[in-house]
C-alpha atoms as a PDB file:
ATOM      1  CA  UNK A   1      17.961 -15.785 -13.418  1.00  0.00           C
ATOM      2  CA  UNK A   2      16.617 -14.199 -10.140  1.00  0.00           C
ATOM      3  CA  UNK A   3      16.964 -16.337  -7.317  1.00  0.00           C
ATOM      4  CA  UNK A   4      14.010 -16.955  -5.341  1.00  0.00           C
ATOM      5  CA  UNK A   5      13.361 -18.045  -1.307  1.00  0.00           C
ATOM      6  CA  UNK A   6      10.836 -19.769   0.098  1.00  0.00           C
ATOM      7  CA  UNK A   7       9.195 -18.763   3.185  1.00  0.00           C
ATOM      8  CA  UNK A   8       6.335 -20.448   5.104  1.00  0.00           C
ATOM      9  CA  UNK A   9       3.739 -17.462   6.215  1.00  0.00           C
ATOM     10  CA  UNK A  10       0.935 -17.698   8.298  1.00  0.00           C
ATOM     11  CA  UNK A  11      -1.631 -14.618   7.993  1.00  0.00           C
ATOM     12  CA  UNK A  12      -4.853 -14.409   9.903  1.00  0.00           C
ATOM     13  CA  UNK A  13      -7.484 -15.939   8.002  1.00  0.00           C
ATOM     14  CA  UNK A  14      -9.577 -12.733   7.558  1.00  0.00           C
ATOM     15  CA  UNK A  15      -6.092 -11.156   5.703  1.00  0.00           C
ATOM     16  CA  UNK A  16      -5.489 -13.998   4.027  1.00  0.00           C
ATOM     17  CA  UNK A  17      -9.136 -14.204   2.348  1.00  0.00           C
ATOM     18  CA  UNK A  18      -8.716 -10.412   1.651  1.00  0.00           C
ATOM     19  CA  UNK A  19      -5.567 -11.275  -0.519  1.00  0.00           C
ATOM     20  CA  UNK A  20      -6.881 -13.658  -2.115  1.00  0.00           C
ATOM     21  CA  UNK A  21      -9.822 -11.848  -3.138  1.00  0.00           C
ATOM     22  CA  UNK A  22      -7.440  -8.758  -4.285  1.00  0.00           C
ATOM     23  CA  UNK A  23      -4.763 -11.115  -6.212  1.00  0.00           C
ATOM     24  CA  UNK A  24      -8.274 -12.536  -8.153  1.00  0.00           C
ATOM     25  CA  UNK A  25      -9.385  -9.073  -8.973  1.00  0.00           C
ATOM     26  CA  UNK A  26      -5.876  -8.309  -9.879  1.00  0.00           C
ATOM     27  CA  UNK A  27      -5.919 -11.513 -11.937  1.00  0.00           C
ATOM     28  CA  UNK A  28      -2.495 -12.815 -10.367  1.00  0.00           C
ATOM     29  CA  UNK A  29      -2.061 -15.479  -7.795  1.00  0.00           C
ATOM     30  CA  UNK A  30      -1.702 -14.790  -4.329  1.00  0.00           C
ATOM     31  CA  UNK A  31       2.083 -15.549  -4.071  1.00  0.00           C
ATOM     32  CA  UNK A  32       2.669 -12.950  -7.094  1.00  0.00           C
ATOM     33  CA  UNK A  33       0.209 -10.713  -5.281  1.00  0.00           C
ATOM     34  CA  UNK A  34       2.150 -11.127  -1.692  1.00  0.00           C
ATOM     35  CA  UNK A  35       5.108 -10.871  -3.245  1.00  0.00           C
ATOM     36  CA  UNK A  36       4.610  -7.300  -5.003  1.00  0.00           C
ATOM     37  CA  UNK A  37       2.521  -6.374  -1.912  1.00  0.00           C
ATOM     38  CA  UNK A  38       5.901  -6.978   0.060  1.00  0.00           C
ATOM     39  CA  UNK A  39       7.710  -5.383  -2.526  1.00  0.00           C
ATOM     40  CA  UNK A  40       6.070  -2.256  -2.677  1.00  0.00           C
ATOM     41  CA  UNK A  41       6.565  -2.046   1.220  1.00  0.00           C
ATOM     42  CA  UNK A  42      10.140  -2.498   1.341  1.00  0.00           C
ATOM     43  CA  UNK A  43      10.117   0.454  -1.452  1.00  0.00           C
ATOM     44  CA  UNK A  44       7.991   2.767   0.954  1.00  0.00           C
ATOM     45  CA  UNK A  45      10.197   2.119   3.940  1.00  0.00           C
ATOM     46  CA  UNK A  46      13.529   2.559   1.919  1.00  0.00           C
ATOM     47  CA  UNK A  47      11.937   5.737   0.305  1.00  0.00           C
ATOM     48  CA  UNK A  48      11.302   7.122   3.603  1.00  0.00           C
ATOM     49  CA  UNK A  49      14.245   6.441   5.025  1.00  0.00           C
ATOM     50  CA  UNK A  50      16.069   7.709   2.492  1.00  0.00           C
ATOM     51  CA  UNK A  51      14.160  10.510   3.141  1.00  0.00           C
ATOM     52  CA  UNK A  52      14.755  11.175   6.606  1.00  0.00           C
ATOM     53  CA  UNK A  53      18.512  10.349   6.262  1.00  0.00           C
ATOM     54  CA  UNK A  54      18.973  13.234   3.466  1.00  0.00           C
ATOM     55  CA  UNK A  55      16.946  15.717   5.502  1.00  0.00           C
ATOM     56  CA  UNK A  56      18.973  15.304   8.419  1.00  0.00           C
ATOM     57  CA  UNK A  57      22.357  15.960   6.768  1.00  0.00           C
ATOM     58  CA  UNK A  58      25.393  15.540   8.894  1.00  0.00           C
ATOM     59  CA  UNK A  59      22.862  16.381  12.090  1.00  0.00           C
ATOM     60  CA  UNK A  60      22.822  13.892  14.771  1.00  0.00           C
ATOM     61  CA  UNK A  61      20.396  13.455  18.025  1.00  0.00           C
ATOM     62  CA  UNK A  62      23.245  14.440  20.186  1.00  0.00           C
ATOM     63  CA  UNK A  63      21.435  17.800  21.171  1.00  0.00           C
ATOM     64  CA  UNK A  64      17.607  16.426  21.207  1.00  0.00           C
ATOM     65  CA  UNK A  65      17.293  15.823  24.739  1.00  0.00           C
ATOM     66  CA  UNK A  66      18.220  19.152  25.683  1.00  0.00           C
ATOM     67  CA  UNK A  67      16.576  20.721  23.284  1.00  0.00           C
ATOM     68  CA  UNK A  68      13.305  18.977  24.478  1.00  0.00           C
ATOM     69  CA  UNK A  69      14.191  19.703  27.971  1.00  0.00           C
ATOM     70  CA  UNK A  70      14.114  23.761  27.073  1.00  0.00           C
ATOM     71  CA  UNK A  71      10.584  23.460  25.984  1.00  0.00           C
ATOM     72  CA  UNK A  72       7.978  24.596  28.112  1.00  0.00           C
ATOM     73  CA  UNK A  73       6.010  22.715  30.979  1.00  0.00           C
ATOM     74  CA  UNK A  74       2.587  23.794  29.513  1.00  0.00           C
ATOM     75  CA  UNK A  75      -0.588  21.565  29.252  1.00  0.00           C
ATOM     76  CA  UNK A  76      -1.556  21.031  25.557  1.00  0.00           C
ATOM     77  CA  UNK A  77      -3.915  23.339  23.834  1.00  0.00           C
ATOM     78  CA  UNK A  78      -7.528  22.201  23.306  1.00  0.00           C
ATOM     79  CA  UNK A  79      -7.058  21.970  19.045  1.00  0.00           C
ATOM     80  CA  UNK A  80      -3.637  19.909  19.942  1.00  0.00           C
ATOM     81  CA  UNK A  81      -6.002  16.802  21.582  1.00  0.00           C
ATOM     82  CA  UNK A  82      -7.692  16.093  18.397  1.00  0.00           C
END
């Protein structure tokens, strides 16, 4: 059996109403819908963190500031401002 924890959640009314509508459209309770939404967000964040960790490999940020200091001090191109 999965253990469950209770958490009192305060949402802005507009968010709660939108979540209630979406839960109803999905045919689930608001509690189930919020639990699913939180689980989805946790998965996305953990996947992104793992991706960047793998991408970085053994590299660290030690030389990052030195690299940034060596960048030319020029105004952005017009297309960079969009």
